[in-house]
Amino acid sequence: MGCALEQEVSRTPRTAVEQILLTQAIHQALENLSIRLPEGVNVGVTATGLDDNQSRPRLGNGEAGAIDRSSRDSLYVRDAVAAELGRRGYRISDQDGDPLYLVRVMTESVGTMQGLTFVGMPPVQSVLIPFSLPELTLYKNQSQSGYARLHLDVFDHRTGEFLGSSPTLIGRSFFNQYTLLILATWHSTDVTAPPVAGR
């Protein structure tokens, strides 16, 4: 018998649950967006974050490490902000279109966390005798959460003058899966229409 509590960062390609946790956290953060710009003006939107090539770990052979994440995260955040500004009546144009204002999205954090609480006996694999026992679970909680934190800086595109920043925007989401006495499983989440295995 044993009891364990651990928390780890995903080292695998993003699952459907991880993707929806991230996107819902980003959109939840944007629900509180407030920005001071004249109504209906042309704005350009750019984004930056900590997920660019310089910040990614590299293996000795030059290949990206296991926790590598591309800059597509910042592109998604940029496009989500542009869509939200468009819904609020602003006209979105690229920088070559000479917008009046430039909105720079600063992605402070976007990612998922995973945790595991396990009470029971872990799987056993014998080395000397060829037999194994499966995991015997009394209680297990596999928890995942999505987190997004960002803010917007606004500049006059013609002069480069800094005009102000939005408040820090924070969004959270969660998906927890429980197992009790090996057979009973259920989940709790704030995600709309979560991807659940077997459905």
N, C-alpha and C. Protein backbone atom coordinates (compact mmCIF):
# COMPACT_ATOMS: atom_id res chain seq x y z
N MET A 1 0.85 -1.18 0.00
CA MET A 1 0.00 0.00 0.00
C MET A 1 0.89 1.24 0.00
N GLY A 2 0.38 2.32 -0.57
CA GLY A 2 1.17 3.54 -0.58
C GLY A 2 0.31 4.74 -0.84
N CYS A 3 0.88 5.89 -0.62
CA CYS A 3 0.18 7.16 -0.87
C CYS A 3 1.17 8.10 -1.52
N ALA A 4 0.76 8.76 -2.57
CA ALA A 4 1.68 9.65 -3.29
C ALA A 4 0.97 10.92 -3.68
N LEU A 5 1.70 12.02 -3.68
CA LEU A 5 1.19 13.30 -4.17
C LEU A 5 2.29 13.89 -5.03
N GLU A 6 1.99 14.10 -6.31
CA GLU A 6 3.01 14.64 -7.20
C GLU A 6 2.37 15.60 -8.18
N GLN A 7 3.20 16.46 -8.72
CA GLN A 7 2.73 17.43 -9.71
C GLN A 7 3.80 17.55 -10.77
N GLU A 8 3.38 17.56 -12.03
CA GLU A 8 4.36 17.60 -13.10
C GLU A 8 3.84 18.42 -14.26
N VAL A 9 4.78 18.88 -15.08
CA VAL A 9 4.46 19.61 -16.30
C VAL A 9 4.40 18.62 -17.45
N SER A 10 3.47 18.81 -18.35
CA SER A 10 3.34 17.89 -19.49
C SER A 10 4.61 17.89 -20.32
N ARG A 11 5.09 16.69 -20.64
CA ARG A 11 6.27 16.55 -21.50
C ARG A 11 5.90 15.89 -22.82
N THR A 12 4.63 15.77 -23.09
CA THR A 12 4.16 15.12 -24.31
C THR A 12 3.45 16.14 -25.18
N PRO A 13 3.20 15.81 -26.46
CA PRO A 13 2.40 16.71 -27.30
C PRO A 13 1.04 16.95 -26.64
N ARG A 14 0.48 18.10 -26.86
CA ARG A 14 -0.74 18.48 -26.15
C ARG A 14 -1.93 17.60 -26.52
N THR A 15 -2.59 17.08 -25.51
CA THR A 15 -3.80 16.31 -25.73
C THR A 15 -4.96 17.26 -26.00
N ALA A 16 -6.10 16.68 -26.39
CA ALA A 16 -7.28 17.51 -26.61
C ALA A 16 -7.69 18.23 -25.34
N VAL A 17 -7.56 17.56 -24.19
CA VAL A 17 -7.92 18.19 -22.91
C VAL A 17 -7.00 19.38 -22.64
N GLU A 18 -5.69 19.21 -22.85
CA GLU A 18 -4.76 20.31 -22.64
C GLU A 18 -5.08 21.49 -23.56
N GLN A 19 -5.39 21.21 -24.82
CA GLN A 19 -5.68 22.28 -25.77
C GLN A 19 -6.92 23.07 -25.35
N ILE A 20 -7.97 22.34 -24.95
CA ILE A 20 -9.21 23.04 -24.59
C ILE A 20 -9.05 23.78 -23.26
N LEU A 21 -8.23 23.26 -22.35
CA LEU A 21 -7.95 23.99 -21.11
C LEU A 21 -7.27 25.32 -21.41
N LEU A 22 -6.31 25.30 -22.34
CA LEU A 22 -5.59 26.53 -22.69
C LEU A 22 -6.51 27.53 -23.39
N THR A 23 -7.24 27.06 -24.40
CA THR A 23 -8.08 28.00 -25.15
C THR A 23 -9.17 28.58 -24.27
N GLN A 24 -9.75 27.76 -23.39
CA GLN A 24 -10.79 28.30 -22.52
C GLN A 24 -10.22 29.30 -21.52
N ALA A 25 -9.02 29.04 -20.99
CA ALA A 25 -8.39 29.98 -20.07
C ALA A 25 -8.11 31.31 -20.78
N ILE A 26 -7.65 31.26 -22.03
CA ILE A 26 -7.36 32.49 -22.78
C ILE A 26 -8.64 33.28 -23.02
N HIS A 27 -9.70 32.61 -23.45
CA HIS A 27 -10.96 33.32 -23.72
C HIS A 27 -11.61 33.83 -22.45
N GLN A 28 -11.43 33.10 -21.34
CA GLN A 28 -11.95 33.58 -20.07
C GLN A 28 -11.22 34.86 -19.64
N ALA A 29 -9.91 34.90 -19.87
CA ALA A 29 -9.14 36.10 -19.54
C ALA A 29 -9.65 37.31 -20.33
N LEU A 30 -10.01 37.09 -21.59
CA LEU A 30 -10.42 38.19 -22.46
C LEU A 30 -11.82 38.71 -22.13
N GLU A 31 -12.59 37.97 -21.32
CA GLU A 31 -13.91 38.46 -20.91
C GLU A 31 -13.80 39.75 -20.10
N ASN A 32 -12.67 39.94 -19.42
CA ASN A 32 -12.47 41.12 -18.58
C ASN A 32 -11.67 42.21 -19.29
N LEU A 33 -11.52 42.10 -20.60
CA LEU A 33 -10.72 43.07 -21.35
C LEU A 33 -11.38 44.45 -21.36
N SER A 34 -10.61 45.43 -20.99
CA SER A 34 -11.04 46.82 -21.13
C SER A 34 -9.88 47.61 -21.71
N ILE A 35 -10.18 48.39 -22.73
CA ILE A 35 -9.14 49.13 -23.44
C ILE A 35 -9.69 50.49 -23.83
N ARG A 36 -8.86 51.53 -23.71
CA ARG A 36 -9.30 52.90 -24.00
C ARG A 36 -8.82 53.33 -25.37
N LEU A 37 -9.70 53.15 -26.34
CA LEU A 37 -9.44 53.59 -27.71
C LEU A 37 -10.72 54.18 -28.26
N PRO A 38 -10.61 55.14 -29.18
CA PRO A 38 -11.83 55.65 -29.82
C PRO A 38 -12.55 54.52 -30.54
N GLU A 39 -13.86 54.59 -30.56
CA GLU A 39 -14.66 53.51 -31.15
C GLU A 39 -14.41 53.38 -32.65
N GLY A 40 -14.32 52.16 -33.13
CA GLY A 40 -14.27 51.86 -34.54
C GLY A 40 -12.98 52.18 -35.26
N VAL A 41 -11.89 52.49 -34.54
CA VAL A 41 -10.63 52.86 -35.21
C VAL A 41 -9.92 51.61 -35.72
N ASN A 42 -8.99 51.83 -36.66
CA ASN A 42 -8.13 50.75 -37.15
C ASN A 42 -7.04 50.47 -36.13
N VAL A 43 -6.88 49.20 -35.77
CA VAL A 43 -5.80 48.81 -34.86
C VAL A 43 -5.04 47.64 -35.45
N GLY A 44 -3.75 47.63 -35.22
CA GLY A 44 -2.92 46.48 -35.53
C GLY A 44 -2.63 45.73 -34.25
N VAL A 45 -2.52 44.43 -34.32
CA VAL A 45 -2.31 43.61 -33.12
C VAL A 45 -1.07 42.75 -33.32
N THR A 46 -0.15 42.83 -32.38
CA THR A 46 1.01 41.95 -32.35
C THR A 46 1.05 41.27 -30.99
N ALA A 47 1.81 40.22 -30.87
CA ALA A 47 1.90 39.50 -29.60
C ALA A 47 3.31 38.99 -29.38
N THR A 48 3.68 38.91 -28.13
CA THR A 48 4.97 38.35 -27.76
C THR A 48 4.79 37.60 -26.45
N GLY A 49 5.69 36.67 -26.21
CA GLY A 49 5.64 35.88 -24.98
C GLY A 49 6.98 35.23 -24.73
N LEU A 50 6.98 34.31 -23.79
CA LEU A 50 8.22 33.64 -23.41
C LEU A 50 8.45 32.36 -24.19
N ASP A 51 7.67 32.14 -25.25
CA ASP A 51 7.76 30.88 -25.99
C ASP A 51 8.48 31.01 -27.32
N ASP A 52 9.34 32.03 -27.45
CA ASP A 52 10.05 32.17 -28.71
C ASP A 52 11.26 31.23 -28.76
N ASN A 53 11.95 31.22 -29.89
CA ASN A 53 13.03 30.25 -30.11
C ASN A 53 14.16 30.39 -29.09
N GLN A 54 14.44 31.60 -28.62
CA GLN A 54 15.55 31.79 -27.70
C GLN A 54 15.28 31.17 -26.33
N SER A 55 13.99 31.03 -25.96
CA SER A 55 13.69 30.55 -24.63
C SER A 55 13.46 29.05 -24.57
N ARG A 56 13.52 28.36 -25.72
CA ARG A 56 13.22 26.93 -25.72
C ARG A 56 14.47 26.12 -25.44
N PRO A 57 14.37 25.09 -24.59
CA PRO A 57 15.54 24.25 -24.32
C PRO A 57 15.95 23.46 -25.54
N ARG A 58 17.24 23.20 -25.67
CA ARG A 58 17.77 22.44 -26.81
C ARG A 58 18.57 21.25 -26.28
N LEU A 59 18.50 20.18 -27.03
CA LEU A 59 19.32 19.02 -26.71
C LEU A 59 20.72 19.24 -27.28
N GLY A 60 21.65 18.36 -26.93
CA GLY A 60 23.02 18.51 -27.39
C GLY A 60 23.16 18.47 -28.90
N ASN A 61 22.26 17.76 -29.59
CA ASN A 61 22.36 17.66 -31.04
C ASN A 61 21.66 18.81 -31.76
N GLY A 62 21.21 19.82 -31.02
CA GLY A 62 20.58 20.99 -31.62
C GLY A 62 19.08 20.87 -31.78
N GLU A 63 18.52 19.68 -31.50
CA GLU A 63 17.08 19.50 -31.62
C GLU A 63 16.37 20.07 -30.40
N ALA A 64 15.10 20.38 -30.58
CA ALA A 64 14.33 20.93 -29.48
C ALA A 64 14.14 19.89 -28.40
N GLY A 65 14.11 20.36 -27.12
CA GLY A 65 13.92 19.47 -25.99
C GLY A 65 12.49 18.97 -25.86
N ALA A 66 12.26 18.12 -24.86
CA ALA A 66 10.96 17.46 -24.71
C ALA A 66 9.85 18.43 -24.34
N ILE A 67 10.17 19.54 -23.67
CA ILE A 67 9.12 20.48 -23.28
C ILE A 67 9.04 21.64 -24.25
N ASP A 68 9.56 21.43 -25.44
CA ASP A 68 9.53 22.45 -26.48
C ASP A 68 8.11 22.89 -26.82
N ARG A 69 7.88 24.19 -26.92
CA ARG A 69 6.60 24.75 -27.36
C ARG A 69 6.91 25.82 -28.39
N SER A 70 6.24 25.80 -29.50
CA SER A 70 6.53 26.76 -30.55
C SER A 70 5.84 28.08 -30.27
N SER A 71 6.14 29.09 -31.08
CA SER A 71 5.55 30.41 -30.91
C SER A 71 4.11 30.46 -31.38
N ARG A 72 3.54 29.32 -31.75
CA ARG A 72 2.13 29.30 -32.13
C ARG A 72 1.23 29.71 -30.97
N ASP A 73 1.71 29.53 -29.73
CA ASP A 73 0.93 29.98 -28.57
C ASP A 73 0.67 31.47 -28.67
N SER A 74 1.71 32.25 -28.94
CA SER A 74 1.54 33.70 -29.05
C SER A 74 0.68 34.07 -30.24
N LEU A 75 0.79 33.31 -31.33
CA LEU A 75 -0.06 33.59 -32.49
C LEU A 75 -1.53 33.35 -32.16
N TYR A 76 -1.81 32.30 -31.41
CA TYR A 76 -3.20 32.04 -31.03
C TYR A 76 -3.72 33.15 -30.11
N VAL A 77 -2.90 33.56 -29.15
CA VAL A 77 -3.32 34.63 -28.24
C VAL A 77 -3.56 35.92 -29.04
N ARG A 78 -2.66 36.23 -29.97
CA ARG A 78 -2.83 37.43 -30.81
C ARG A 78 -4.15 37.39 -31.57
N ASP A 79 -4.43 36.25 -32.20
CA ASP A 79 -5.65 36.15 -32.99
C ASP A 79 -6.91 36.16 -32.12
N ALA A 80 -6.81 35.60 -30.92
CA ALA A 80 -7.96 35.64 -30.00
C ALA A 80 -8.24 37.08 -29.55
N VAL A 81 -7.17 37.84 -29.29
CA VAL A 81 -7.34 39.25 -28.91
C VAL A 81 -7.90 40.04 -30.09
N ALA A 82 -7.38 39.80 -31.30
CA ALA A 82 -7.89 40.50 -32.48
C ALA A 82 -9.37 40.22 -32.69
N ALA A 83 -9.77 38.95 -32.51
CA ALA A 83 -11.19 38.61 -32.66
C ALA A 83 -12.04 39.31 -31.62
N GLU A 84 -11.55 39.38 -30.38
CA GLU A 84 -12.31 40.06 -29.33
C GLU A 84 -12.42 41.55 -29.60
N LEU A 85 -11.34 42.17 -30.07
CA LEU A 85 -11.40 43.60 -30.42
C LEU A 85 -12.36 43.81 -31.59
N GLY A 86 -12.35 42.90 -32.56
CA GLY A 86 -13.28 42.99 -33.69
C GLY A 86 -14.73 42.91 -33.23
N ARG A 87 -15.01 42.01 -32.28
CA ARG A 87 -16.37 41.91 -31.74
C ARG A 87 -16.79 43.20 -31.03
N ARG A 88 -15.81 43.94 -30.54
CA ARG A 88 -16.12 45.18 -29.83
C ARG A 88 -16.15 46.39 -30.77
N GLY A 89 -16.07 46.15 -32.06
CA GLY A 89 -16.26 47.23 -33.03
C GLY A 89 -15.01 47.84 -33.61
N TYR A 90 -13.82 47.36 -33.21
CA TYR A 90 -12.58 47.89 -33.79
C TYR A 90 -12.29 47.18 -35.11
N ARG A 91 -11.65 47.90 -36.02
CA ARG A 91 -11.26 47.32 -37.30
C ARG A 91 -9.80 46.87 -37.19
N ILE A 92 -9.57 45.62 -37.52
CA ILE A 92 -8.24 45.03 -37.38
C ILE A 92 -7.53 45.08 -38.72
N SER A 93 -6.30 45.59 -38.72
CA SER A 93 -5.50 45.59 -39.95
C SER A 93 -4.07 45.24 -39.58
N ASP A 94 -3.30 44.75 -40.57
CA ASP A 94 -1.90 44.46 -40.28
C ASP A 94 -1.11 45.76 -40.27
N GLN A 95 0.13 45.66 -39.84
CA GLN A 95 0.93 46.88 -39.70
C GLN A 95 1.19 47.55 -41.04
N ASP A 96 1.21 46.79 -42.13
CA ASP A 96 1.41 47.37 -43.44
C ASP A 96 0.21 48.20 -43.87
N GLY A 97 -0.96 47.92 -43.26
CA GLY A 97 -2.17 48.69 -43.57
C GLY A 97 -2.20 50.03 -42.86
N ASP A 98 -1.13 50.37 -42.13
CA ASP A 98 -0.98 51.65 -41.44
C ASP A 98 -2.15 51.93 -40.48
N PRO A 99 -2.34 51.07 -39.47
CA PRO A 99 -3.39 51.34 -38.48
C PRO A 99 -3.04 52.56 -37.64
N LEU A 100 -4.06 53.19 -37.06
CA LEU A 100 -3.82 54.35 -36.20
C LEU A 100 -3.16 53.94 -34.89
N TYR A 101 -3.54 52.77 -34.38
CA TYR A 101 -3.03 52.32 -33.09
C TYR A 101 -2.45 50.92 -33.20
N LEU A 102 -1.45 50.64 -32.38
CA LEU A 102 -0.86 49.32 -32.31
C LEU A 102 -1.11 48.75 -30.92
N VAL A 103 -1.74 47.57 -30.87
CA VAL A 103 -1.98 46.88 -29.62
C VAL A 103 -0.98 45.74 -29.53
N ARG A 104 -0.11 45.79 -28.55
CA ARG A 104 0.87 44.72 -28.35
C ARG A 104 0.41 43.85 -27.18
N VAL A 105 0.15 42.59 -27.48
CA VAL A 105 -0.29 41.64 -26.45
C VAL A 105 0.94 41.03 -25.80
N MET A 106 1.06 41.20 -24.49
CA MET A 106 2.17 40.64 -23.73
C MET A 106 1.66 39.40 -23.01
N THR A 107 2.04 38.23 -23.51
CA THR A 107 1.61 36.97 -22.90
C THR A 107 2.58 36.65 -21.77
N GLU A 108 2.11 36.88 -20.55
CA GLU A 108 2.97 36.65 -19.39
C GLU A 108 3.08 35.17 -19.04
N SER A 109 1.99 34.44 -19.24
CA SER A 109 2.00 33.01 -18.95
C SER A 109 0.84 32.36 -19.66
N VAL A 110 1.08 31.23 -20.29
CA VAL A 110 0.01 30.41 -20.84
C VAL A 110 0.50 28.96 -20.82
N GLY A 111 -0.24 28.09 -20.14
CA GLY A 111 0.20 26.71 -20.02
C GLY A 111 -0.75 25.88 -19.19
N THR A 112 -0.38 24.61 -19.03
CA THR A 112 -1.17 23.70 -18.22
C THR A 112 -0.30 23.10 -17.13
N MET A 113 -0.95 22.72 -16.05
CA MET A 113 -0.29 22.01 -14.96
C MET A 113 -1.05 20.72 -14.73
N GLN A 114 -0.32 19.69 -14.32
CA GLN A 114 -0.94 18.40 -14.03
C GLN A 114 -0.54 17.96 -12.64
N GLY A 115 -1.45 17.29 -11.96
CA GLY A 115 -1.16 16.76 -10.64
C GLY A 115 -1.78 15.40 -10.48
N LEU A 116 -1.25 14.59 -9.57
CA LEU A 116 -1.76 13.26 -9.33
C LEU A 116 -1.75 12.97 -7.84
N THR A 117 -2.90 12.56 -7.32
CA THR A 117 -3.01 12.06 -5.95
C THR A 117 -3.42 10.60 -6.06
N PHE A 118 -2.64 9.71 -5.47
CA PHE A 118 -2.88 8.28 -5.61
C PHE A 118 -2.77 7.59 -4.27
N VAL A 119 -3.80 6.79 -3.93
CA VAL A 119 -3.77 5.95 -2.74
C VAL A 119 -4.08 4.53 -3.20
N GLY A 120 -3.17 3.61 -2.98
CA GLY A 120 -3.35 2.24 -3.43
C GLY A 120 -2.01 1.59 -3.67
N MET A 121 -1.99 0.57 -4.52
CA MET A 121 -0.75 -0.13 -4.83
C MET A 121 -0.41 0.11 -6.30
N PRO A 122 0.77 0.66 -6.58
CA PRO A 122 1.15 0.88 -7.98
C PRO A 122 1.36 -0.45 -8.69
N PRO A 123 1.40 -0.45 -10.03
CA PRO A 123 1.63 -1.70 -10.74
C PRO A 123 2.98 -2.32 -10.37
N VAL A 124 3.01 -3.64 -10.29
CA VAL A 124 4.22 -4.36 -9.89
C VAL A 124 4.66 -5.26 -11.05
N GLN A 125 5.92 -5.16 -11.41
CA GLN A 125 6.50 -6.00 -12.46
C GLN A 125 7.65 -6.77 -11.83
N SER A 126 7.56 -8.08 -11.83
CA SER A 126 8.60 -8.91 -11.25
C SER A 126 9.78 -9.01 -12.20
N VAL A 127 10.97 -8.99 -11.64
CA VAL A 127 12.17 -9.12 -12.46
C VAL A 127 12.59 -10.58 -12.57
N LEU A 128 12.51 -11.32 -11.46
CA LEU A 128 12.98 -12.70 -11.45
C LEU A 128 11.92 -13.68 -11.97
N ILE A 129 10.67 -13.50 -11.52
CA ILE A 129 9.58 -14.39 -11.92
C ILE A 129 8.71 -13.62 -12.91
N PRO A 130 8.37 -14.20 -14.06
CA PRO A 130 7.62 -13.46 -15.08
C PRO A 130 6.13 -13.30 -14.74
N PHE A 131 5.83 -12.37 -13.85
CA PHE A 131 4.44 -12.04 -13.57
C PHE A 131 4.34 -10.56 -13.24
N SER A 132 3.15 -10.03 -13.35
CA SER A 132 2.95 -8.62 -13.02
C SER A 132 1.56 -8.45 -12.41
N LEU A 133 1.42 -7.42 -11.59
CA LEU A 133 0.14 -7.06 -10.98
C LEU A 133 -0.25 -5.68 -11.49
N PRO A 134 -1.52 -5.48 -11.84
CA PRO A 134 -1.94 -4.15 -12.28
C PRO A 134 -2.05 -3.20 -11.09
N GLU A 135 -2.23 -1.95 -11.42
CA GLU A 135 -2.44 -0.94 -10.38
C GLU A 135 -3.74 -1.23 -9.64
N LEU A 136 -3.69 -1.22 -8.31
CA LEU A 136 -4.88 -1.41 -7.48
C LEU A 136 -5.18 -0.09 -6.80
N THR A 137 -6.25 0.55 -7.25
CA THR A 137 -6.54 1.92 -6.84
C THR A 137 -7.64 1.96 -5.78
N LEU A 138 -7.32 2.56 -4.65
CA LEU A 138 -8.36 2.88 -3.68
C LEU A 138 -8.94 4.26 -3.99
N TYR A 139 -8.05 5.21 -4.26
CA TYR A 139 -8.48 6.56 -4.64
C TYR A 139 -7.41 7.17 -5.53
N LYS A 140 -7.86 7.82 -6.61
CA LYS A 140 -6.92 8.47 -7.52
C LYS A 140 -7.56 9.73 -8.07
N ASN A 141 -6.84 10.82 -8.05
CA ASN A 141 -7.30 12.09 -8.62
C ASN A 141 -6.23 12.59 -9.58
N GLN A 142 -6.55 12.60 -10.87
CA GLN A 142 -5.67 13.16 -11.89
C GLN A 142 -6.23 14.55 -12.24
N SER A 143 -5.52 15.57 -11.87
CA SER A 143 -6.02 16.93 -12.08
C SER A 143 -5.18 17.65 -13.11
N GLN A 144 -5.85 18.43 -13.96
CA GLN A 144 -5.19 19.29 -14.94
C GLN A 144 -5.82 20.67 -14.86
N SER A 145 -5.02 21.68 -15.00
CA SER A 145 -5.55 23.04 -15.02
C SER A 145 -4.87 23.84 -16.11
N GLY A 146 -5.62 24.76 -16.68
CA GLY A 146 -5.09 25.69 -17.69
C GLY A 146 -5.01 27.07 -17.08
N TYR A 147 -4.00 27.82 -17.48
CA TYR A 147 -3.79 29.16 -16.92
C TYR A 147 -3.32 30.10 -18.02
N ALA A 148 -3.90 31.27 -18.05
CA ALA A 148 -3.46 32.30 -19.01
C ALA A 148 -3.40 33.63 -18.27
N ARG A 149 -2.32 34.36 -18.49
CA ARG A 149 -2.15 35.69 -17.89
C ARG A 149 -1.51 36.58 -18.94
N LEU A 150 -2.16 37.70 -19.22
CA LEU A 150 -1.65 38.59 -20.26
C LEU A 150 -2.12 40.02 -20.00
N HIS A 151 -1.51 40.96 -20.70
CA HIS A 151 -2.00 42.34 -20.70
C HIS A 151 -1.71 42.95 -22.07
N LEU A 152 -2.37 44.06 -22.35
CA LEU A 152 -2.24 44.73 -23.64
C LEU A 152 -1.59 46.09 -23.44
N ASP A 153 -0.60 46.41 -24.26
CA ASP A 153 0.01 47.74 -24.30
C ASP A 153 -0.44 48.41 -25.59
N VAL A 154 -0.82 49.68 -25.49
CA VAL A 154 -1.34 50.41 -26.66
C VAL A 154 -0.37 51.53 -27.03
N PHE A 155 -0.07 51.63 -28.34
CA PHE A 155 0.85 52.64 -28.86
C PHE A 155 0.19 53.38 -30.01
N ASP A 156 0.55 54.65 -30.16
CA ASP A 156 0.20 55.38 -31.38
C ASP A 156 1.12 54.85 -32.48
N HIS A 157 0.55 54.28 -33.52
CA HIS A 157 1.35 53.61 -34.53
C HIS A 157 2.20 54.59 -35.34
N ARG A 158 1.74 55.84 -35.48
CA ARG A 158 2.48 56.81 -36.28
C ARG A 158 3.68 57.38 -35.52
N THR A 159 3.51 57.65 -34.24
CA THR A 159 4.58 58.29 -33.47
C THR A 159 5.33 57.32 -32.56
N GLY A 160 4.75 56.16 -32.30
CA GLY A 160 5.36 55.21 -31.37
C GLY A 160 5.10 55.56 -29.92
N GLU A 161 4.29 56.60 -29.67
CA GLU A 161 4.03 57.03 -28.29
C GLU A 161 3.23 55.96 -27.54
N PHE A 162 3.68 55.67 -26.32
CA PHE A 162 2.98 54.72 -25.47
C PHE A 162 1.74 55.40 -24.89
N LEU A 163 0.57 54.77 -25.05
CA LEU A 163 -0.68 55.40 -24.63
C LEU A 163 -1.28 54.77 -23.38
N GLY A 164 -0.83 53.59 -23.01
CA GLY A 164 -1.37 52.97 -21.79
C GLY A 164 -1.44 51.46 -21.91
N SER A 165 -1.81 50.84 -20.79
CA SER A 165 -1.91 49.39 -20.72
C SER A 165 -3.26 48.99 -20.16
N SER A 166 -3.69 47.82 -20.53
CA SER A 166 -4.89 47.25 -19.93
C SER A 166 -4.52 46.68 -18.56
N PRO A 167 -5.52 46.44 -17.71
CA PRO A 167 -5.22 45.68 -16.49
C PRO A 167 -4.73 44.27 -16.87
N THR A 168 -4.06 43.62 -15.93
CA THR A 168 -3.65 42.24 -16.16
C THR A 168 -4.89 41.36 -16.26
N LEU A 169 -4.92 40.53 -17.29
CA LEU A 169 -6.06 39.66 -17.56
C LEU A 169 -5.67 38.22 -17.22
N ILE A 170 -6.49 37.56 -16.40
CA ILE A 170 -6.18 36.21 -15.95
C ILE A 170 -7.36 35.29 -16.23
N GLY A 171 -7.07 34.13 -16.78
CA GLY A 171 -8.10 33.11 -17.02
C GLY A 171 -7.62 31.77 -16.52
N ARG A 172 -8.56 30.99 -15.96
CA ARG A 172 -8.24 29.67 -15.44
C ARG A 172 -9.28 28.66 -15.90
N SER A 173 -8.88 27.41 -16.00
CA SER A 173 -9.80 26.32 -16.32
C SER A 173 -9.26 25.06 -15.65
N PHE A 174 -10.14 24.06 -15.45
CA PHE A 174 -9.67 22.83 -14.81
C PHE A 174 -10.43 21.62 -15.34
N PHE A 175 -9.79 20.47 -15.24
CA PHE A 175 -10.39 19.18 -15.60
C PHE A 175 -9.80 18.15 -14.66
N ASN A 176 -10.63 17.59 -13.77
CA ASN A 176 -10.18 16.61 -12.80
C ASN A 176 -10.89 15.28 -13.05
N GLN A 177 -10.13 14.21 -13.03
CA GLN A 177 -10.71 12.88 -13.19
C GLN A 177 -10.41 12.06 -11.94
N TYR A 178 -11.45 11.37 -11.43
CA TYR A 178 -11.35 10.63 -10.18
C TYR A 178 -11.61 9.15 -10.41
N THR A 179 -10.94 8.31 -9.63
CA THR A 179 -11.20 6.88 -9.60
C THR A 179 -11.30 6.46 -8.14
N LEU A 180 -12.34 5.67 -7.83
CA LEU A 180 -12.56 5.20 -6.47
C LEU A 180 -12.76 3.69 -6.52
N LEU A 181 -11.97 2.98 -5.73
CA LEU A 181 -12.08 1.52 -5.63
C LEU A 181 -12.04 0.84 -7.00
N ILE A 182 -11.08 1.20 -7.78
CA ILE A 182 -10.74 0.60 -9.08
C ILE A 182 -11.76 0.88 -10.18
N LEU A 183 -13.06 0.72 -9.90
CA LEU A 183 -14.05 0.73 -10.97
C LEU A 183 -14.80 2.05 -11.15
N ALA A 184 -15.09 2.75 -10.08
CA ALA A 184 -15.91 3.96 -10.17
C ALA A 184 -15.04 5.14 -10.63
N THR A 185 -15.39 5.71 -11.78
CA THR A 185 -14.66 6.86 -12.30
C THR A 185 -15.64 7.97 -12.66
N TRP A 186 -15.23 9.21 -12.46
CA TRP A 186 -16.01 10.37 -12.83
C TRP A 186 -15.08 11.56 -12.99
N HIS A 187 -15.59 12.65 -13.53
CA HIS A 187 -14.76 13.84 -13.69
C HIS A 187 -15.56 15.09 -13.31
N SER A 188 -14.81 16.15 -13.00
CA SER A 188 -15.40 17.47 -12.78
C SER A 188 -14.58 18.48 -13.56
N THR A 189 -15.26 19.47 -14.14
CA THR A 189 -14.57 20.44 -14.98
C THR A 189 -15.41 21.69 -15.14
N ASP A 190 -14.77 22.78 -15.50
CA ASP A 190 -15.50 23.98 -15.89
C ASP A 190 -15.40 24.20 -17.40
N VAL A 191 -14.86 23.20 -18.12
CA VAL A 191 -14.71 23.27 -19.57
C VAL A 191 -16.04 22.95 -20.24
N THR A 192 -16.42 23.74 -21.24
CA THR A 192 -17.62 23.47 -22.00
C THR A 192 -17.39 22.31 -22.96
N ALA A 193 -18.25 21.29 -22.91
CA ALA A 193 -18.16 20.10 -23.76
C ALA A 193 -16.76 19.53 -23.79
N PRO A 194 -16.26 19.03 -22.63
CA PRO A 194 -14.88 18.51 -22.59
C PRO A 194 -14.73 17.24 -23.38
N PRO A 195 -13.53 17.00 -23.96
CA PRO A 195 -13.27 15.74 -24.63
C PRO A 195 -13.03 14.66 -23.58
N VAL A 196 -13.92 13.66 -23.52
CA VAL A 196 -13.82 12.60 -22.53
C VAL A 196 -13.62 11.29 -23.26
N ALA A 197 -12.65 10.50 -22.81
CA ALA A 197 -12.35 9.22 -23.46
C ALA A 197 -13.57 8.30 -23.41
N GLY A 198 -13.80 7.60 -24.50
CA GLY A 198 -14.87 6.62 -24.54
C GLY A 198 -16.22 7.22 -24.92
N ARG A 199 -16.26 8.51 -25.30
CA ARG A 199 -17.53 9.13 -25.69
C ARG A 199 -17.43 9.70 -27.07
